N, C-alpha and C. Protein backbone atom coordinates (compact mmCIF):
# COMPACT_ATOMS: atom_id res chain seq x y z
N UNK A 1 11.87 21.60 26.32
CA UNK A 1 11.59 22.18 25.03
C UNK A 1 11.70 23.69 25.19
N UNK A 2 12.37 24.33 24.24
CA UNK A 2 12.51 25.78 24.30
C UNK A 2 12.13 26.39 22.97
N UNK A 3 11.58 27.60 23.05
CA UNK A 3 11.16 28.32 21.85
C UNK A 3 11.72 29.73 21.92
N UNK A 4 12.42 30.13 20.88
CA UNK A 4 12.93 31.50 20.80
C UNK A 4 12.39 32.14 19.53
N UNK A 5 12.25 33.45 19.58
CA UNK A 5 11.66 34.20 18.47
C UNK A 5 12.70 35.14 17.90
N UNK A 6 12.78 35.15 16.58
CA UNK A 6 13.67 36.07 15.87
C UNK A 6 12.82 36.94 14.96
N UNK A 7 12.86 38.24 15.17
CA UNK A 7 12.10 39.17 14.32
C UNK A 7 12.89 39.48 13.07
N UNK A 8 12.27 39.25 11.91
CA UNK A 8 12.89 39.57 10.64
C UNK A 8 12.34 40.87 10.06
N UNK A 9 11.26 41.34 10.61
CA UNK A 9 10.62 42.57 10.14
C UNK A 9 9.41 42.83 11.02
N UNK A 10 8.62 43.81 10.63
CA UNK A 10 7.46 44.14 11.45
C UNK A 10 6.39 43.05 11.41
N UNK A 11 6.28 42.36 10.30
CA UNK A 11 5.25 41.33 10.14
C UNK A 11 5.84 39.97 9.83
N UNK A 12 7.09 39.75 10.19
CA UNK A 12 7.78 38.53 9.77
C UNK A 12 8.66 38.03 10.92
N UNK A 13 8.41 36.78 11.39
CA UNK A 13 9.20 36.22 12.48
C UNK A 13 9.63 34.80 12.14
N UNK A 14 10.67 34.34 12.82
CA UNK A 14 11.10 32.95 12.73
C UNK A 14 11.11 32.40 14.15
N UNK A 15 10.43 31.27 14.34
CA UNK A 15 10.41 30.61 15.63
C UNK A 15 11.42 29.47 15.61
N UNK A 16 12.32 29.45 16.58
CA UNK A 16 13.32 28.39 16.71
C UNK A 16 12.88 27.50 17.87
N UNK A 17 12.50 26.26 17.55
CA UNK A 17 12.03 25.33 18.56
C UNK A 17 13.09 24.25 18.75
N UNK A 18 13.59 24.12 19.98
CA UNK A 18 14.57 23.09 20.30
C UNK A 18 13.89 22.05 21.18
N UNK A 19 13.98 20.79 20.77
CA UNK A 19 13.34 19.70 21.50
C UNK A 19 14.42 18.80 22.08
N UNK A 20 14.44 18.72 23.41
CA UNK A 20 15.43 17.92 24.10
C UNK A 20 14.99 16.47 24.18
N UNK A 21 15.94 15.55 24.40
CA UNK A 21 15.59 14.12 24.50
C UNK A 21 14.62 13.81 25.64
N UNK A 22 14.70 14.56 26.75
CA UNK A 22 13.78 14.32 27.86
C UNK A 22 12.34 14.54 27.45
N UNK A 23 12.13 15.37 26.45
CA UNK A 23 10.78 15.67 25.99
C UNK A 23 10.28 14.65 24.97
N UNK A 24 11.11 14.33 23.99
CA UNK A 24 10.59 13.49 22.90
C UNK A 24 10.76 11.99 23.12
N UNK A 25 11.71 11.55 23.93
CA UNK A 25 11.92 10.10 24.09
C UNK A 25 10.73 9.37 24.71
N UNK A 26 10.11 9.87 25.80
CA UNK A 26 8.94 9.15 26.34
C UNK A 26 7.78 9.09 25.34
N UNK A 27 7.56 10.17 24.62
CA UNK A 27 6.48 10.20 23.62
C UNK A 27 6.81 9.24 22.48
N UNK A 28 8.07 9.21 22.06
CA UNK A 28 8.52 8.32 20.99
C UNK A 28 8.31 6.86 21.38
N UNK A 29 8.72 6.50 22.60
CA UNK A 29 8.55 5.12 23.06
C UNK A 29 7.07 4.72 23.11
N UNK A 30 6.24 5.63 23.59
CA UNK A 30 4.80 5.36 23.67
C UNK A 30 4.20 5.16 22.28
N UNK A 31 4.57 6.03 21.34
CA UNK A 31 4.06 5.90 19.97
C UNK A 31 4.54 4.61 19.32
N UNK A 32 5.78 4.24 19.58
CA UNK A 32 6.30 2.99 19.01
C UNK A 32 5.50 1.80 19.51
N UNK A 33 5.22 1.77 20.81
CA UNK A 33 4.46 0.65 21.38
C UNK A 33 3.04 0.62 20.84
N UNK A 34 2.40 1.79 20.73
CA UNK A 34 1.04 1.85 20.20
C UNK A 34 0.99 1.42 18.74
N UNK A 35 1.92 1.92 17.95
CA UNK A 35 1.93 1.60 16.52
C UNK A 35 2.32 0.15 16.29
N UNK A 36 3.20 -0.38 17.12
CA UNK A 36 3.64 -1.77 16.99
C UNK A 36 2.47 -2.74 17.19
N UNK A 37 1.50 -2.36 18.01
CA UNK A 37 0.33 -3.22 18.25
C UNK A 37 -0.54 -3.35 17.00
N UNK A 38 -0.45 -2.38 16.10
CA UNK A 38 -1.30 -2.36 14.91
C UNK A 38 -0.59 -2.92 13.67
N UNK A 39 0.73 -3.07 13.74
CA UNK A 39 1.51 -3.48 12.57
C UNK A 39 1.55 -5.00 12.48
N UNK A 40 1.35 -5.51 11.27
CA UNK A 40 1.55 -6.95 11.04
C UNK A 40 2.67 -7.09 10.01
N UNK A 41 3.73 -7.77 10.43
CA UNK A 41 4.88 -7.98 9.57
C UNK A 41 4.96 -9.46 9.20
N UNK A 42 5.54 -9.71 8.08
CA UNK A 42 5.66 -11.07 7.61
C UNK A 42 6.49 -11.89 8.61
N UNK A 43 5.96 -13.02 9.02
CA UNK A 43 6.63 -13.89 9.97
C UNK A 43 6.18 -13.68 11.41
N UNK A 44 5.36 -12.64 11.65
CA UNK A 44 4.87 -12.36 13.00
C UNK A 44 3.37 -12.12 12.94
N UNK A 45 2.68 -12.49 14.02
CA UNK A 45 1.25 -12.18 14.11
C UNK A 45 1.10 -10.67 14.37
N UNK A 46 -0.09 -10.19 14.10
CA UNK A 46 -0.36 -8.76 14.29
C UNK A 46 -0.12 -8.40 15.75
N UNK A 47 0.71 -7.37 15.96
CA UNK A 47 0.98 -6.88 17.30
C UNK A 47 2.07 -7.62 18.04
N UNK A 48 2.67 -8.65 17.44
CA UNK A 48 3.71 -9.41 18.15
C UNK A 48 5.11 -9.18 17.57
N UNK A 49 5.25 -8.20 16.71
CA UNK A 49 6.56 -7.88 16.15
C UNK A 49 7.47 -7.38 17.27
N UNK A 50 8.69 -7.87 17.37
CA UNK A 50 9.61 -7.36 18.41
C UNK A 50 9.83 -5.86 18.24
N UNK A 51 9.85 -5.16 19.36
CA UNK A 51 9.96 -3.70 19.34
C UNK A 51 11.27 -3.25 18.68
N UNK A 52 12.33 -3.98 18.89
CA UNK A 52 13.62 -3.63 18.27
C UNK A 52 13.55 -3.70 16.76
N UNK A 53 12.90 -4.71 16.22
CA UNK A 53 12.75 -4.84 14.77
C UNK A 53 11.84 -3.74 14.24
N UNK A 54 10.77 -3.46 14.98
CA UNK A 54 9.86 -2.39 14.57
C UNK A 54 10.60 -1.06 14.51
N UNK A 55 11.41 -0.76 15.54
CA UNK A 55 12.15 0.50 15.56
C UNK A 55 13.18 0.55 14.44
N UNK A 56 13.78 -0.59 14.13
CA UNK A 56 14.78 -0.61 13.06
C UNK A 56 14.15 -0.24 11.72
N UNK A 57 12.92 -0.69 11.50
CA UNK A 57 12.25 -0.44 10.22
C UNK A 57 11.52 0.91 10.23
N UNK A 58 10.76 1.18 11.27
CA UNK A 58 9.89 2.37 11.30
C UNK A 58 10.32 3.44 12.30
N UNK A 59 11.42 3.24 13.01
CA UNK A 59 11.81 4.15 14.08
C UNK A 59 12.01 5.59 13.65
N UNK A 60 12.72 5.80 12.55
CA UNK A 60 12.98 7.18 12.11
C UNK A 60 11.70 7.90 11.72
N UNK A 61 10.78 7.17 11.09
CA UNK A 61 9.51 7.78 10.68
C UNK A 61 8.69 8.16 11.92
N UNK A 62 8.61 7.27 12.89
CA UNK A 62 7.84 7.55 14.11
C UNK A 62 8.48 8.71 14.87
N UNK A 63 9.81 8.75 14.91
CA UNK A 63 10.50 9.84 15.60
C UNK A 63 10.26 11.18 14.91
N UNK A 64 10.28 11.20 13.59
CA UNK A 64 10.03 12.46 12.88
C UNK A 64 8.59 12.93 13.11
N UNK A 65 7.64 12.01 13.15
CA UNK A 65 6.25 12.38 13.46
C UNK A 65 6.14 12.93 14.87
N UNK A 66 6.82 12.30 15.81
CA UNK A 66 6.80 12.74 17.20
C UNK A 66 7.36 14.15 17.32
N UNK A 67 8.48 14.40 16.69
CA UNK A 67 9.10 15.73 16.74
C UNK A 67 8.19 16.77 16.10
N UNK A 68 7.59 16.43 14.98
CA UNK A 68 6.67 17.35 14.30
C UNK A 68 5.46 17.67 15.17
N UNK A 69 4.88 16.63 15.81
CA UNK A 69 3.72 16.86 16.67
C UNK A 69 4.06 17.74 17.87
N UNK A 70 5.20 17.47 18.50
CA UNK A 70 5.61 18.28 19.65
C UNK A 70 5.89 19.73 19.24
N UNK A 71 6.50 19.90 18.08
CA UNK A 71 6.78 21.26 17.59
C UNK A 71 5.48 22.00 17.29
N UNK A 72 4.55 21.34 16.62
CA UNK A 72 3.27 21.98 16.31
C UNK A 72 2.54 22.40 17.58
N UNK A 73 2.56 21.55 18.59
CA UNK A 73 1.89 21.87 19.85
C UNK A 73 2.55 23.07 20.53
N UNK A 74 3.87 23.10 20.55
CA UNK A 74 4.60 24.20 21.18
C UNK A 74 4.34 25.53 20.46
N UNK A 75 4.36 25.50 19.14
CA UNK A 75 4.12 26.72 18.35
C UNK A 75 2.68 27.20 18.53
N UNK A 76 1.72 26.28 18.52
CA UNK A 76 0.32 26.66 18.71
C UNK A 76 0.11 27.28 20.09
N UNK A 77 0.73 26.71 21.12
CA UNK A 77 0.62 27.28 22.47
C UNK A 77 1.22 28.68 22.52
N UNK A 78 2.38 28.87 21.90
CA UNK A 78 3.03 30.18 21.90
C UNK A 78 2.15 31.22 21.19
N UNK A 79 1.61 30.86 20.03
CA UNK A 79 0.79 31.80 19.27
C UNK A 79 -0.50 32.14 20.02
N UNK A 80 -1.07 31.15 20.71
CA UNK A 80 -2.29 31.39 21.47
C UNK A 80 -2.00 32.27 22.69
N UNK A 81 -0.90 32.02 23.41
CA UNK A 81 -0.58 32.81 24.59
C UNK A 81 -0.26 34.26 24.25
N UNK A 82 0.40 34.50 23.14
CA UNK A 82 0.78 35.86 22.75
C UNK A 82 -0.23 36.52 21.84
N UNK A 83 -1.32 35.84 21.56
CA UNK A 83 -2.41 36.38 20.75
C UNK A 83 -1.90 36.88 19.40
N UNK A 84 -1.11 36.05 18.72
CA UNK A 84 -0.57 36.41 17.41
C UNK A 84 -1.44 35.78 16.32
N UNK A 85 -1.77 36.58 15.33
CA UNK A 85 -2.54 36.10 14.20
C UNK A 85 -1.61 36.05 12.99
N UNK A 86 -1.64 34.95 12.28
CA UNK A 86 -0.67 34.75 11.21
C UNK A 86 -1.36 34.30 9.93
N UNK A 87 -0.63 34.44 8.82
CA UNK A 87 -1.13 34.02 7.52
C UNK A 87 -0.75 32.56 7.28
N UNK A 88 -1.67 31.77 6.77
CA UNK A 88 -1.43 30.38 6.34
C UNK A 88 -0.79 29.55 7.45
N UNK A 89 0.02 28.58 7.08
CA UNK A 89 0.69 27.71 8.04
C UNK A 89 2.15 28.12 8.17
N UNK A 90 2.73 27.85 9.34
CA UNK A 90 4.17 28.15 9.48
C UNK A 90 4.98 27.34 8.46
N UNK A 91 5.98 27.98 7.90
CA UNK A 91 6.82 27.37 6.89
C UNK A 91 8.09 26.83 7.54
N UNK A 92 8.36 25.55 7.35
CA UNK A 92 9.54 24.92 7.94
C UNK A 92 10.76 25.31 7.13
N UNK A 93 11.73 25.94 7.79
CA UNK A 93 12.95 26.41 7.14
C UNK A 93 14.11 25.55 7.64
N UNK A 94 15.03 25.21 6.75
CA UNK A 94 16.21 24.41 7.10
C UNK A 94 15.83 23.07 7.73
N UNK A 95 14.95 22.37 7.07
CA UNK A 95 14.52 21.07 7.58
C UNK A 95 15.68 20.07 7.46
N UNK A 96 15.99 19.39 8.55
CA UNK A 96 17.08 18.43 8.57
C UNK A 96 16.50 17.02 8.75
N UNK A 97 15.84 16.52 7.71
CA UNK A 97 15.22 15.20 7.83
C UNK A 97 16.25 14.09 7.79
N UNK A 98 17.40 14.33 7.18
CA UNK A 98 18.43 13.30 7.14
C UNK A 98 19.06 13.12 8.51
N UNK A 99 18.97 14.13 9.37
CA UNK A 99 19.60 14.06 10.67
C UNK A 99 18.77 13.36 11.73
N UNK A 100 17.53 12.99 11.41
CA UNK A 100 16.68 12.32 12.39
C UNK A 100 17.06 10.85 12.44
N UNK A 101 17.50 10.43 13.63
CA UNK A 101 17.93 9.05 13.80
C UNK A 101 17.56 8.61 15.21
N UNK A 102 16.73 7.58 15.31
CA UNK A 102 16.26 7.13 16.61
C UNK A 102 17.36 6.49 17.44
N UNK A 103 18.46 6.07 16.81
CA UNK A 103 19.54 5.42 17.55
C UNK A 103 20.43 6.42 18.30
N UNK A 104 20.22 7.73 18.09
CA UNK A 104 20.97 8.76 18.79
C UNK A 104 20.06 9.42 19.81
N UNK A 105 19.94 8.85 21.03
CA UNK A 105 18.97 9.36 22.00
C UNK A 105 19.38 10.64 22.70
N UNK A 106 20.57 11.15 22.45
CA UNK A 106 21.04 12.36 23.12
C UNK A 106 20.95 13.60 22.24
N UNK A 107 20.44 13.46 21.03
CA UNK A 107 20.44 14.58 20.09
C UNK A 107 19.29 15.54 20.38
N UNK A 108 19.61 16.82 20.34
CA UNK A 108 18.61 17.88 20.48
C UNK A 108 18.23 18.32 19.08
N UNK A 109 16.96 18.22 18.76
CA UNK A 109 16.48 18.60 17.42
C UNK A 109 15.97 20.03 17.45
N UNK A 110 16.40 20.81 16.47
CA UNK A 110 15.98 22.21 16.37
C UNK A 110 15.27 22.41 15.04
N UNK A 111 14.06 22.94 15.10
CA UNK A 111 13.30 23.24 13.89
C UNK A 111 13.05 24.74 13.85
N UNK A 112 13.14 25.31 12.66
CA UNK A 112 12.93 26.74 12.45
C UNK A 112 11.67 26.92 11.61
N UNK A 113 10.73 27.67 12.14
CA UNK A 113 9.47 27.90 11.45
C UNK A 113 9.31 29.38 11.16
N UNK A 114 9.02 29.70 9.91
CA UNK A 114 8.88 31.08 9.48
C UNK A 114 7.39 31.43 9.41
N UNK A 115 7.04 32.59 9.95
CA UNK A 115 5.65 33.03 10.01
C UNK A 115 5.49 34.45 9.48
N UNK A 116 4.40 34.67 8.78
CA UNK A 116 4.01 36.02 8.39
C UNK A 116 2.84 36.44 9.26
N UNK A 117 2.99 37.53 9.98
CA UNK A 117 1.95 37.99 10.90
C UNK A 117 0.99 38.95 10.21
N UNK A 118 -0.25 38.88 10.63
CA UNK A 118 -1.25 39.81 10.11
C UNK A 118 -1.03 41.17 10.77
N UNK A 119 -1.16 42.25 10.00
CA UNK A 119 -0.95 43.58 10.59
C UNK A 119 -2.10 43.96 11.52
N UNK A 120 -1.77 44.79 12.49
CA UNK A 120 -2.78 45.31 13.40
C UNK A 120 -3.41 46.54 12.76
N UNK A 121 -4.73 46.52 12.63
CA UNK A 121 -5.44 47.63 11.99
C UNK A 121 -6.32 48.30 13.03
N UNK A 122 -6.23 49.64 13.10
CA UNK A 122 -6.99 50.41 14.07
C UNK A 122 -8.15 51.09 13.35
N UNK A 123 -9.37 50.59 13.59
CA UNK A 123 -10.56 51.15 12.94
C UNK A 123 -11.20 52.26 13.78
N UNK A 124 -10.66 52.52 14.95
CA UNK A 124 -11.27 53.55 15.82
C UNK A 124 -11.18 54.94 15.18
N UNK A 125 -10.20 55.15 14.30
CA UNK A 125 -10.06 56.43 13.62
C UNK A 125 -11.28 56.71 12.75
N UNK A 126 -11.84 55.68 12.17
CA UNK A 126 -12.98 55.87 11.29
C UNK A 126 -14.23 56.31 12.04
N UNK A 127 -14.32 55.98 13.31
CA UNK A 127 -15.51 56.30 14.08
C UNK A 127 -15.37 57.57 14.91
N UNK A 128 -14.29 58.29 14.74
CA UNK A 128 -14.10 59.52 15.49
C UNK A 128 -14.98 60.62 14.90
N UNK A 129 -15.42 61.57 15.74
CA UNK A 129 -16.32 62.62 15.24
C UNK A 129 -15.69 63.57 14.23
N UNK A 130 -14.37 63.77 14.29
CA UNK A 130 -13.75 64.71 13.35
C UNK A 130 -13.58 64.10 11.96
N UNK A 131 -13.76 62.80 11.85
CA UNK A 131 -13.62 62.14 10.55
C UNK A 131 -14.99 62.09 9.89
N UNK A 132 -15.08 62.60 8.68
CA UNK A 132 -16.37 62.68 8.00
C UNK A 132 -16.28 61.97 6.66
N UNK A 133 -17.31 61.20 6.35
CA UNK A 133 -17.36 60.52 5.07
C UNK A 133 -18.22 61.33 4.11
N UNK A 134 -17.84 61.31 2.85
CA UNK A 134 -18.58 62.02 1.82
C UNK A 134 -19.28 60.97 0.96
N UNK A 135 -20.59 61.15 0.81
CA UNK A 135 -21.35 60.23 0.00
C UNK A 135 -21.64 60.91 -1.33
N UNK A 136 -21.14 60.30 -2.40
CA UNK A 136 -21.33 60.86 -3.73
C UNK A 136 -22.54 60.20 -4.38
N UNK A 137 -23.40 61.04 -4.94
CA UNK A 137 -24.57 60.56 -5.66
C UNK A 137 -24.40 60.95 -7.12
N UNK A 138 -24.26 59.96 -7.99
CA UNK A 138 -24.06 60.31 -9.40
C UNK A 138 -25.34 60.88 -10.00
N UNK A 139 -25.17 61.86 -10.85
CA UNK A 139 -26.31 62.47 -11.52
C UNK A 139 -26.29 62.03 -12.98
N UNK A 140 -27.36 61.43 -13.41
CA UNK A 140 -27.46 61.00 -14.81
C UNK A 140 -28.76 61.52 -15.39
N UNK A 141 -28.71 61.74 -16.68
CA UNK A 141 -29.91 62.20 -17.37
C UNK A 141 -30.53 61.03 -18.12
N UNK A 142 -31.75 61.20 -18.55
CA UNK A 142 -32.42 60.14 -19.31
C UNK A 142 -31.72 59.90 -20.65
N UNK A 143 -31.14 60.92 -21.21
CA UNK A 143 -30.43 60.78 -22.48
C UNK A 143 -29.20 59.90 -22.32
N UNK A 144 -28.47 60.07 -21.22
CA UNK A 144 -27.29 59.22 -20.97
C UNK A 144 -27.69 57.76 -20.76
N UNK A 145 -28.80 57.53 -20.07
CA UNK A 145 -29.27 56.16 -19.85
C UNK A 145 -29.67 55.53 -21.17
N UNK A 146 -30.40 56.27 -22.02
CA UNK A 146 -30.80 55.75 -23.33
C UNK A 146 -29.59 55.46 -24.20
N UNK A 147 -28.58 56.30 -24.11
CA UNK A 147 -27.36 56.09 -24.89
C UNK A 147 -26.65 54.79 -24.47
N UNK A 148 -26.57 54.54 -23.18
CA UNK A 148 -25.94 53.30 -22.70
C UNK A 148 -26.75 52.07 -23.08
N UNK A 149 -28.05 52.18 -23.08
CA UNK A 149 -28.90 51.05 -23.48
C UNK A 149 -28.70 50.75 -24.95
N UNK A 150 -28.58 51.78 -25.77
CA UNK A 150 -28.33 51.57 -27.20
C UNK A 150 -26.98 50.92 -27.45
N UNK A 151 -25.99 51.18 -26.64
CA UNK A 151 -24.66 50.58 -26.79
C UNK A 151 -24.68 49.08 -26.46
N UNK A 152 -25.62 48.63 -25.68
CA UNK A 152 -25.70 47.21 -25.34
C UNK A 152 -26.21 46.45 -26.50
């Protein structure tokens, strides 16, 4: 699995995650076997559906979930290692859901995720001795207060 970063601006990046078959196939097979144990199909007892039939019906869905889970894990690890803070959730760009096919075990899937990064703010300037805050105290008279009360 590989992850590359493309900077679109100071606070805007796109993460390109490529998932090779060596990474997703073992996880896909494991998920298929686990899910097959819970599925009951007409004509078969619960958990006894042939794996080939299960993959034919649910294979693409399980594979897309597997790819999504692996991508999410890789992106979360990258963001945690680089200490990046971002807004909301990564946005999937150029999603190729029609291209996901479990019968093509040699395909490398690439997902592009767009992120908006939070800006770095330096508050140390506010606490420096040369920086001074001015506190304004409004001056009001009793006549002004009475006038505002009458307006209510």
